[in-house]
C-alpha atoms as a PDB file:
ATOM      1  CA  MET A   1      30.958   5.815  15.484  1.00  0.00           C
ATOM      2  CA  ILE A   2      30.074   2.333  16.702  1.00  0.00           C
ATOM      3  CA  PHE A   3      28.650   3.914  19.871  1.00  0.00           C
ATOM      4  CA  TYR A   4      26.528   6.146  17.633  1.00  0.00           C
ATOM      5  CA  PHE A   5      25.194   3.085  15.784  1.00  0.00           C
ATOM      6  CA  ILE A   6      24.561   0.960  18.888  1.00  0.00           C
ATOM      7  CA  ALA A   7      22.858   3.734  20.856  1.00  0.00           C
ATOM      8  CA  LEU A   8      20.422   4.723  18.103  1.00  0.00           C
ATOM      9  CA  LEU A   9      19.678   1.169  16.973  1.00  0.00           C
ATOM     10  CA  THR A  10      19.003   0.075  20.559  1.00  0.00           C
ATOM     11  CA  THR A  11      16.602   2.981  20.999  1.00  0.00           C
ATOM     12  CA  ALA A  12      14.867   2.057  17.740  1.00  0.00           C
ATOM     13  CA  LEU A  13      14.423  -1.548  18.881  1.00  0.00           C
ATOM     14  CA  ILE A  14      12.986  -0.442  22.227  1.00  0.00           C
ATOM     15  CA  VAL A  15      10.488   1.855  20.518  1.00  0.00           C
ATOM     16  CA  MET A  16       9.466  -0.853  18.044  1.00  0.00           C
ATOM     17  CA  ILE A  17       9.148  -3.623  20.629  1.00  0.00           C
ATOM     18  CA  ASN A  18       7.148  -1.401  22.968  1.00  0.00           C
ATOM     19  CA  ASN A  19       4.264  -1.187  20.504  1.00  0.00           C
ATOM     20  CA  ARG A  20       5.026  -2.307  16.976  1.00  0.00           C
ATOM     21  CA  ARG A  21       1.344  -2.149  15.962  1.00  0.00           C
ATOM     22  CA  ASN A  22       1.323   1.619  16.372  1.00  0.00           C
ATOM     23  CA  GLU A  23       2.212   3.305  13.071  1.00  0.00           C
ATOM     24  CA  THR A  24       3.762   6.287  14.864  1.00  0.00           C
ATOM     25  CA  ASN A  25       6.025   3.942  16.804  1.00  0.00           C
ATOM     26  CA  ARG A  26       7.087   2.162  13.653  1.00  0.00           C
ATOM     27  CA  TRP A  27       8.108   5.376  11.919  1.00  0.00           C
ATOM     28  CA  ALA A  28       9.954   6.552  15.019  1.00  0.00           C
ATOM     29  CA  ALA A  29      11.901   3.277  14.883  1.00  0.00           C
ATOM     30  CA  TYR A  30      12.485   3.717  11.140  1.00  0.00           C
ATOM     31  CA  PHE A  31      14.030   7.153  11.457  1.00  0.00           C
ATOM     32  CA  LEU A  32      16.194   6.079  14.405  1.00  0.00           C
ATOM     33  CA  SER A  33      17.383   3.050  12.422  1.00  0.00           C
ATOM     34  CA  SER A  34      18.151   5.080   9.307  1.00  0.00           C
ATOM     35  CA  ALA A  35      20.070   7.574  11.446  1.00  0.00           C
ATOM     36  CA  SER A  36      22.002   4.786  13.156  1.00  0.00           C
ATOM     37  CA  ILE A  37      23.429   3.247   9.965  1.00  0.00           C
ATOM     38  CA  GLY A  38      25.516   6.356   9.487  1.00  0.00           C
ATOM     39  CA  GLY A  39      27.643   5.067  12.349  1.00  0.00           C
ATOM     40  CA  LEU A  40      28.626   1.986  10.328  1.00  0.00           C
ATOM     41  CA  SER A  41      29.887   3.751   7.206  1.00  0.00           C
ATOM     42  CA  ASP A  42      33.262   4.708   8.714  1.00  0.00           C
ATOM     43  CA  SER A  43      33.828   1.156   9.920  1.00  0.00           C
ATOM     44  CA  PHE A  44      33.272  -0.209   6.413  1.00  0.00           C
ATOM     45  CA  GLN A  45      35.369   2.611   4.978  1.00  0.00           C
ATOM     46  CA  ASN A  46      38.292   1.701   7.255  1.00  0.00           C
ATOM     47  CA  ALA A  47      37.893  -1.964   6.269  1.00  0.00           C
ATOM     48  CA  ASP A  48      38.177  -0.972   2.568  1.00  0.00           C
ATOM     49  CA  PHE A  49      34.549  -1.857   1.810  1.00  0.00           C
ATOM     50  CA  PHE A  50      34.085   1.394  -0.044  1.00  0.00           C
ATOM     51  CA  VAL A  51      30.985   0.468  -2.035  1.00  0.00           C
ATOM     52  CA  THR A  52      29.160  -0.772   1.069  1.00  0.00           C
ATOM     53  CA  ALA A  53      30.176   2.372   2.954  1.00  0.00           C
ATOM     54  CA  ASP A  54      28.826   4.590   0.147  1.00  0.00           C
ATOM     55  CA  ILE A  55      25.522   2.714   0.041  1.00  0.00           C
ATOM     56  CA  LEU A  56      25.083   3.039   3.812  1.00  0.00           C
ATOM     57  CA  GLN A  57      25.866   6.739   3.669  1.00  0.00           C
ATOM     58  CA  PHE A  58      23.324   7.233   0.882  1.00  0.00           C
ATOM     59  CA  PHE A  59      20.574   5.533   2.890  1.00  0.00           C
ATOM     60  CA  ASN A  60      21.566   7.460   5.998  1.00  0.00           C
ATOM     61  CA  TYR A  61      21.497  10.850   4.264  1.00  0.00           C
ATOM     62  CA  THR A  62      18.250  10.289   2.346  1.00  0.00           C
ATOM     63  CA  LEU A  63      16.028   8.032   4.463  1.00  0.00           C
ATOM     64  CA  THR A  64      16.534   9.918   7.741  1.00  0.00           C
ATOM     65  CA  PRO A  65      14.835  13.212   6.709  1.00  0.00           C
ATOM     66  CA  TYR A  66      12.100  11.269   4.913  1.00  0.00           C
ATOM     67  CA  SER A  67      11.239   9.045   7.899  1.00  0.00           C
ATOM     68  CA  VAL A  68      11.510  11.979  10.343  1.00  0.00           C
ATOM     69  CA  LEU A  69       8.921  13.940   8.363  1.00  0.00           C
ATOM     70  CA  ILE A  70       6.507  10.973   8.146  1.00  0.00           C
ATOM     71  CA  PHE A  71       6.887  10.419  11.886  1.00  0.00           C
ATOM     72  CA  SER A  72       6.161  14.096  12.605  1.00  0.00           C
ATOM     73  CA  ILE A  73       3.032  14.040  10.429  1.00  0.00           C
ATOM     74  CA  LEU A  74       1.700  10.973  12.223  1.00  0.00           C
ATOM     75  CA  TYR A  75       2.684  12.063  15.729  1.00  0.00           C
ATOM     76  CA  THR A  76       1.129  15.517  15.418  1.00  0.00           C
ATOM     77  CA  ARG A  77      -2.104  14.063  13.984  1.00  0.00           C
ATOM     78  CA  VAL A  78      -2.208  16.156  10.838  1.00  0.00           C
ATOM     79  CA  SER A  79      -5.769  16.040   9.483  1.00  0.00           C
ATOM     80  CA  LEU A  80      -5.403  13.676   6.536  1.00  0.00           C
ATOM     81  CA  SER A  81      -7.369  10.705   5.279  1.00  0.00           C
ATOM     82  CA  ILE A  82      -5.734   7.287   5.065  1.00  0.00           C
ATOM     83  CA  GLN A  83      -5.527   7.554   1.266  1.00  0.00           C
ATOM     84  CA  SER A  84      -3.922  11.008   1.504  1.00  0.00           C
ATOM     85  CA  LYS A  85      -1.298   9.722   3.926  1.00  0.00           C
ATOM     86  CA  ARG A  86      -0.409   6.910   1.553  1.00  0.00           C
ATOM     87  CA  LYS A  87      -0.035   9.342  -1.340  1.00  0.00           C
ATOM     88  CA  ILE A  88       2.119  11.677   0.745  1.00  0.00           C
ATOM     89  CA  LYS A  89       4.432   8.822   1.723  1.00  0.00           C
ATOM     90  CA  LEU A  90       4.931   7.991  -1.942  1.00  0.00           C
ATOM     91  CA  TRP A  91       5.379  11.577  -3.135  1.00  0.00           C
ATOM     92  CA  LEU A  92       7.929  12.318  -0.412  1.00  0.00           C
ATOM     93  CA  LEU A  93      10.072   9.495  -1.806  1.00  0.00           C
ATOM     94  CA  PHE A  94      10.507  11.343  -5.106  1.00  0.00           C
ATOM     95  CA  PRO A  95      13.609  13.374  -4.029  1.00  0.00           C
ATOM     96  CA  ILE A  96      15.289  10.147  -2.913  1.00  0.00           C
ATOM     97  CA  ALA A  97      14.754   8.668  -6.372  1.00  0.00           C
ATOM     98  CA  VAL A  98      16.260  11.831  -7.901  1.00  0.00           C
ATOM     99  CA  MET A  99      19.280  11.539  -5.599  1.00  0.00           C
ATOM    100  CA  ALA A 100      19.741   7.923  -6.672  1.00  0.00           C
ATOM    101  CA  VAL A 101      19.865   9.067 -10.297  1.00  0.00           C
ATOM    102  CA  ILE A 102      22.395  11.780  -9.418  1.00  0.00           C
ATOM    103  CA  VAL A 103      24.646   9.276  -7.634  1.00  0.00           C
ATOM    104  CA  THR A 104      24.420   6.908 -10.596  1.00  0.00           C
ATOM    105  CA  LEU A 105      25.331   9.560 -13.176  1.00  0.00           C
ATOM    106  CA  SER A 106      27.904  11.589 -11.231  1.00  0.00           C
ATOM    107  CA  THR A 107      30.485  11.039  -8.500  1.00  0.00           C
ATOM    108  CA  SER A 108      30.694  14.749  -7.635  1.00  0.00           C
ATOM    109  CA  LYS A 109      30.322  15.206  -3.876  1.00  0.00           C
ATOM    110  CA  PRO A 110      29.467  18.929  -4.056  1.00  0.00           C
ATOM    111  CA  LEU A 111      26.647  18.163  -6.513  1.00  0.00           C
ATOM    112  CA  PHE A 112      25.303  15.381  -4.310  1.00  0.00           C
ATOM    113  CA  PHE A 113      25.346  17.340  -1.052  1.00  0.00           C
ATOM    114  CA  THR A 114      23.936  20.491  -2.660  1.00  0.00           C
ATOM    115  CA  GLY A 115      21.038  18.536  -4.155  1.00  0.00           C
ATOM    116  CA  LEU A 116      20.563  16.755  -0.829  1.00  0.00           C
ATOM    117  CA  LEU A 117      20.347  20.035   1.078  1.00  0.00           C
ATOM    118  CA  LEU A 118      17.722  21.479  -1.276  1.00  0.00           C
ATOM    119  CA  TRP A 119      15.071  18.963  -0.213  1.00  0.00           C
ATOM    120  CA  SER A 120      16.278  17.619   3.151  1.00  0.00           C
ATOM    121  CA  ALA A 121      16.327  21.090   4.752  1.00  0.00           C
ATOM    122  CA  PRO A 122      12.563  21.616   4.130  1.00  0.00           C
ATOM    123  CA  TYR A 123      11.884  18.094   5.432  1.00  0.00           C
ATOM    124  CA  TYR A 124      13.717  18.784   8.687  1.00  0.00           C
ATOM    125  CA  LEU A 125      12.302  22.289   9.116  1.00  0.00           C
ATOM    126  CA  ILE A 126       8.721  21.150   8.477  1.00  0.00           C
ATOM    127  CA  SER A 127       9.200  18.350  11.019  1.00  0.00           C
ATOM    128  CA  CYS A 128      10.431  20.826  13.645  1.00  0.00           C
ATOM    129  CA  PHE A 129       7.548  23.154  12.814  1.00  0.00           C
ATOM    130  CA  LEU A 130       4.912  20.416  13.176  1.00  0.00           C
ATOM    131  CA  LEU A 131       6.296  19.208  16.509  1.00  0.00           C
ATOM    132  CA  THR A 132       6.548  22.734  17.926  1.00  0.00           C
ATOM    133  CA  VAL A 133       3.093  23.828  16.772  1.00  0.00           C
ATOM    134  CA  SER A 134       1.467  20.644  18.062  1.00  0.00           C
ATOM    135  CA  PHE A 135       2.899  21.372  21.507  1.00  0.00           C
ATOM    136  CA  TRP A 136       1.897  25.029  21.341  1.00  0.00           C
ATOM    137  CA  LYS A 137      -1.707  24.360  20.325  1.00  0.00           C
ATOM    138  CA  GLU A 138      -2.352  21.470  22.696  1.00  0.00           C
ATOM    139  CA  ARG A 139      -4.848  22.366  25.435  1.00  0.00           C
ATOM    140  CA  ASP A 140      -4.852  19.218  27.543  1.00  0.00           C
ATOM    141  CA  LYS A 141      -2.250  19.693  30.299  1.00  0.00           C
ATOM    142  CA  ARG A 142      -0.952  16.126  30.320  1.00  0.00           C
ATOM    143  CA  ARG A 143      -0.686  15.937  26.540  1.00  0.00           C
ATOM    144  CA  LYS A 144       0.895  19.379  26.399  1.00  0.00           C
ATOM    145  CA  ARG A 145       3.600  18.240  28.823  1.00  0.00           C
ATOM    146  CA  ASN A 146       4.237  15.093  26.799  1.00  0.00           C
ATOM    147  CA  ARG A 147       4.434  17.030  23.548  1.00  0.00           C
ATOM    148  CA  PHE A 148       6.802  19.517  25.167  1.00  0.00           C
ATOM    149  CA  ILE A 149       9.113  16.682  26.219  1.00  0.00           C
ATOM    150  CA  THR A 150       9.044  15.176  22.726  1.00  0.00           C
ATOM    151  CA  THR A 151       9.744  18.566  21.177  1.00  0.00           C
ATOM    152  CA  ILE A 152      12.756  19.423  23.380  1.00  0.00           C
ATOM    153  CA  ILE A 153      14.191  15.944  22.803  1.00  0.00           C
ATOM    154  CA  ILE A 154      13.851  15.857  19.024  1.00  0.00           C
ATOM    155  CA  VAL A 155      13.853  19.425  17.644  1.00  0.00           C
ATOM    156  CA  PRO A 156      17.311  20.587  18.866  1.00  0.00           C
ATOM    157  CA  THR A 157      18.906  17.402  17.532  1.00  0.00           C
ATOM    158  CA  LEU A 158      17.178  17.730  14.150  1.00  0.00           C
ATOM    159  CA  LEU A 159      18.413  21.302  13.828  1.00  0.00           C
ATOM    160  CA  GLY A 160      21.913  20.198  14.847  1.00  0.00           C
ATOM    161  CA  VAL A 161      21.872  17.445  12.217  1.00  0.00           C
ATOM    162  CA  LEU A 162      20.650  19.888   9.580  1.00  0.00           C
ATOM    163  CA  ILE A 163      23.382  22.439  10.327  1.00  0.00           C
ATOM    164  CA  PHE A 164      26.387  20.243  11.098  1.00  0.00           C
ATOM    165  CA  ILE A 165      25.751  17.520   8.507  1.00  0.00           C
ATOM    166  CA  TYR A 166      23.617  18.716   5.612  1.00  0.00           C
ATOM    167  CA  VAL A 167      24.582  22.390   5.499  1.00  0.00           C
ATOM    168  CA  ALA A 168      28.218  21.740   6.458  1.00  0.00           C
ATOM    169  CA  LYS A 169      28.588  18.976   3.860  1.00  0.00           C
ATOM    170  CA  ALA A 170      27.125  21.214   1.155  1.00  0.00           C
ATOM    171  CA  VAL A 171      29.701  23.883   2.015  1.00  0.00           C
ATOM    172  CA  SER A 172      32.609  21.494   2.637  1.00  0.00           C
ATOM    173  CA  PRO A 173      32.024  17.844   1.574  1.00  0.00           C
ATOM    174  CA  ASP A 174      34.971  16.602   3.670  1.00  0.00           C
ATOM    175  CA  PHE A 175      33.742  18.264   6.874  1.00  0.00           C
ATOM    176  CA  GLU A 176      33.978  15.928   9.901  1.00  0.00           C
ATOM    177  CA  PHE A 177      30.706  16.330  11.737  1.00  0.00           C
ATOM    178  CA  PHE A 178      30.742  13.452  14.198  1.00  0.00           C
ATOM    179  CA  ASN A 179      32.144  15.313  17.222  1.00  0.00           C
ATOM    180  CA  TYR A 180      29.435  17.966  16.878  1.00  0.00           C
ATOM    181  CA  ILE A 181      26.574  15.548  16.310  1.00  0.00           C
ATOM    182  CA  LEU A 182      27.654  13.344  19.206  1.00  0.00           C
ATOM    183  CA  VAL A 183      26.804  16.193  21.580  1.00  0.00           C
ATOM    184  CA  PHE A 184      23.223  16.320  20.302  1.00  0.00           C
ATOM    185  CA  ILE A 185      22.833  12.535  20.341  1.00  0.00           C
ATOM    186  CA  VAL A 186      24.018  12.323  23.959  1.00  0.00           C
ATOM    187  CA  TYR A 187      21.723  15.239  24.851  1.00  0.00           C
ATOM    188  CA  SER A 188      18.633  13.557  23.331  1.00  0.00           C
ATOM    189  CA  LEU A 189      19.327  10.123  24.817  1.00  0.00           C
ATOM    190  CA  ALA A 190      20.128  11.519  28.267  1.00  0.00           C
ATOM    191  CA  LEU A 191      17.027  13.722  28.309  1.00  0.00           C
ATOM    192  CA  ALA A 192      14.809  10.864  27.103  1.00  0.00           C
ATOM    193  CA  LEU A 193      16.216   8.602  29.839  1.00  0.00           C
ATOM    194  CA  LEU A 194      15.703  11.297  32.484  1.00  0.00           C
ATOM    195  CA  CYS A 195      12.105  11.900  31.445  1.00  0.00           C
ATOM    196  CA  THR A 196      11.440   8.161  31.495  1.00  0.00           C
ATOM    197  CA  PHE A 197      12.514   7.964  35.129  1.00  0.00           C
ATOM    198  CA  VAL A 198      10.768  11.196  36.148  1.00  0.00           C
ATOM    199  CA  TYR A 199       7.413  10.628  34.477  1.00  0.00           C
ATOM    200  CA  GLY A 200       7.473   6.849  34.101  1.00  0.00           C
ATOM    201  CA  GLY A 201       4.264   5.341  32.839  1.00  0.00           C
ATOM    202  CA  ALA A 202       2.477   8.693  32.812  1.00  0.00           C
ATOM    203  CA  ARG A 203       4.116   9.685  29.556  1.00  0.00           C
ATOM    204  CA  ARG A 204       1.861   7.686  27.286  1.00  0.00           C
ATOM    205  CA  GLU A 205       1.331   9.985  24.388  1.00  0.00           C
ATOM    206  CA  ALA A 206       4.952  10.086  23.228  1.00  0.00           C
ATOM    207  CA  PRO A 207       5.938   8.076  20.118  1.00  0.00           C
ATOM    208  CA  ILE A 208       5.672   4.858  22.177  1.00  0.00           C
ATOM    209  CA  ARG A 209       1.970   4.774  23.080  1.00  0.00           C
ATOM    210  CA  ALA A 210      -1.266   3.453  21.676  1.00  0.00           C
ATOM    211  CA  ARG A 211      -4.001   6.029  21.274  1.00  0.00           C
ATOM    212  CA  SER A 212      -6.316   4.269  23.708  1.00  0.00           C
ATOM    213  CA  ALA A 213      -7.064   0.676  24.643  1.00  0.00           C
ATOM    214  CA  GLY A 214     -10.464   0.609  22.977  1.00  0.00           C
ATOM    215  CA  LYS A 215      -9.359   2.334  19.799  1.00  0.00           C
ATOM    216  CA  HIS A 216      -6.192   0.280  19.679  1.00  0.00           C
ATOM    217  CA  ASP A 217      -8.053  -3.034  19.782  1.00  0.00           C
ATOM    218  CA  GLU A 218     -10.854  -1.948  17.489  1.00  0.00           C
ATOM    219  CA  GLY A 219      -8.424  -0.189  15.144  1.00  0.00           C
ATOM    220  CA  ARG A 220      -6.658  -3.452  14.280  1.00  0.00           C
ATOM    221  CA  GLN A 221      -9.362  -4.372  11.801  1.00  0.00           C
ATOM    222  CA  TYR A 222      -8.799  -1.091   9.944  1.00  0.00           C
ATOM    223  CA  GLY A 223      -5.019  -1.343   9.743  1.00  0.00           C
ATOM    224  CA  HIS A 224      -4.336   2.023  11.416  1.00  0.00           C
ATOM    225  CA  TYR A 225      -4.031   3.377  14.950  1.00  0.00           C
ATOM    226  CA  ASP A 226      -4.119   7.161  14.937  1.00  0.00           C
ATOM    227  CA  ALA A 227      -7.239   8.486  16.611  1.00  0.00           C
ATOM    228  CA  GLN A 228      -8.299  10.822  13.860  1.00  0.00           C
ATOM    229  CA  SER A 229      -8.240   8.155  11.158  1.00  0.00           C
ATOM    230  CA  TYR A 230     -10.118   5.849  13.500  1.00  0.00           C
ATOM    231  CA  ASP A 231     -12.814   8.492  14.071  1.00  0.00           C
ATOM    232  CA  GLN A 232     -13.162   9.033  10.338  1.00  0.00           C
ATOM    233  CA  GLU A 233     -13.572   5.303   9.767  1.00  0.00           C
ATOM    234  CA  ARG A 234     -16.061   5.027  12.619  1.00  0.00           C
ATOM    235  CA  ASN A 235     -18.118   7.962  11.300  1.00  0.00           C
ATOM    236  CA  ARG A 236     -18.142   6.432   7.835  1.00  0.00           C
ATOM    237  CA  LYS A 237     -19.457   3.152   9.225  1.00  0.00           C
ATOM    238  CA  ASN A 238     -22.105   4.974  11.276  1.00  0.00           C
ATOM    239  CA  ILE A 239     -23.238   6.835   8.152  1.00  0.00           C
ATOM    240  CA  ASP A 240     -23.426   3.538   6.261  1.00  0.00           C
ATOM    241  CA  LYS A 241     -25.517   1.995   9.047  1.00  0.00           C
ATOM    242  CA  HIS A 242     -27.812   5.018   9.102  1.00  0.00           C
ATOM    243  CA  GLY A 243     -28.205   4.860   5.335  1.00  0.00           C
ATOM    244  CA  LYS A 244     -29.127   1.176   5.479  1.00  0.00           C
ATOM    245  CA  LEU A 245     -31.631   1.855   8.274  1.00  0.00           C
ATOM    246  CA  VAL A 246     -33.303   4.648   6.293  1.00  0.00           C
ATOM    247  CA  SER A 247     -33.402   2.412   3.222  1.00  0.00           C
ATOM    248  CA  ASN A 248     -35.053  -0.401   5.198  1.00  0.00           C
ATOM    249  CA  VAL A 249     -37.610   1.986   6.693  1.00  0.00           C
ATOM    250  CA  SER A 250     -38.454   3.377   3.261  1.00  0.00           C
ATOM    251  CA  ARG A 251     -38.764  -0.121   1.829  1.00  0.00           C
ATOM    252  CA  ASN A 252     -41.061  -1.200   4.674  1.00  0.00           C
ATOM    253  CA  ARG A 253     -43.169   1.934   4.301  1.00  0.00           C
ATOM    254  CA  ARG A 254     -43.670   1.263   0.600  1.00  0.00           C
ATOM    255  CA  ALA A 255     -44.606  -2.334   1.373  1.00  0.00           C
ATOM    256  CA  VAL A 256     -47.184  -1.205   3.956  1.00  0.00           C
ATOM    257  CA  GLU A 257     -48.630   1.369   1.558  1.00  0.00           C
ATOM    258  CA  ALA A 258     -48.855  -1.244  -1.179  1.00  0.00           C
ATOM    259  CA  ALA A 259     -50.589  -3.659   1.229  1.00  0.00           C
ATOM    260  CA  ASP A 260     -53.064  -0.929   2.293  1.00  0.00           C
ATOM    261  CA  ALA A 261     -53.833  -0.082  -1.333  1.00  0.00           C
ATOM    262  CA  ASN A 262     -54.380  -3.751  -2.130  1.00  0.00           C
ATOM    263  CA  CYS A 263     -56.619  -4.180   0.899  1.00  0.00           C
ATOM    264  CA  ASN A 264     -58.670  -1.074  -0.019  1.00  0.00           C
ATOM    265  CA  LYS A 265     -59.047  -2.345  -3.568  1.00  0.00           C
ATOM    266  CA  ARG A 266     -60.327  -5.698  -2.337  1.00  0.00           C
ATOM    267  CA  LEU A 267     -62.794  -3.994   0.043  1.00  0.00           C
ATOM    268  CA  GLN A 268     -64.130  -1.829  -2.769  1.00  0.00           C
ATOM    269  CA  THR A 269     -64.528  -4.883  -5.006  1.00  0.00           C
ATOM    270  CA  TYR A 270     -66.312  -6.755  -2.207  1.00  0.00           C
ATOM    271  CA  ALA A 271     -68.605  -3.762  -1.592  1.00  0.00           C
ATOM    272  CA  ARG A 272     -69.602  -3.587  -5.278  1.00  0.00           C
ATOM    273  CA  VAL A 273     -70.285  -7.314  -5.433  1.00  0.00           C
ATOM    274  CA  SER A 274     -72.339  -7.144  -2.227  1.00  0.00           C
ATOM    275  CA  TYR A 275     -74.329  -4.194  -3.572  1.00  0.00           C
ATOM    276  CA  LYS A 276     -75.176  -6.028  -6.809  1.00  0.00           C
ATOM    277  CA  ASN A 277     -76.023  -9.268  -5.067  1.00  0.00           C
ATOM    278  CA  PRO A 278     -77.805  -8.410  -1.795  1.00  0.00           C
END
């Protein structure tokens, strides 16, 4: 289990260090970190730190599906405004709060794992769906290849985790899943390492890339880095600039019209005075 913890935490640190300003990178690191802490629970359990082991297991079981789903939403560029993304992040925390209440009120493992499965399964399945569809719909060849690599690395492991941890624990709370999950973890890490060597720096669009140099630098002032949110912010600013320009033109036109009217009035007054006093 220590290998499980070290391998996933190391991967999370690499992803975070590579580009910590990228929100997609950060959430990839979050879900890898939350998955890794499951490897520590047995060590604390064997050392008779039962409360600490239970707390780590709770965070592992609940935060992993949550952070995986947020990562999938960001990586696949789901069309959402910045405010909508913030609301979704908060609403998706609601099942975790419910699970915390259940743990506080009851020590029943079957109740806990059944409740956990009811919401974690949709989280994992939606994540797999988003990753697969984003690959399928992508038209750019390079991006399609990168999305395919990400999909074959992540989706099989997520399905393995769902079946051999969440479903198995709901059926049999004392089920030992580690030997099964280890196969998927080794598969994902080995495939990710292989693709890194094969494609090298060409694989930029995976969870460890910035959208583009220009958008990355300019996006810092907005506090986000996904291209769609950047475009929305840029369009909003362009609309604001256009509105100000139209307002200035209208104001200047009214000023010119007022000046013309004043000038015509003075000319008429001068003409009348000149007519009366030749």
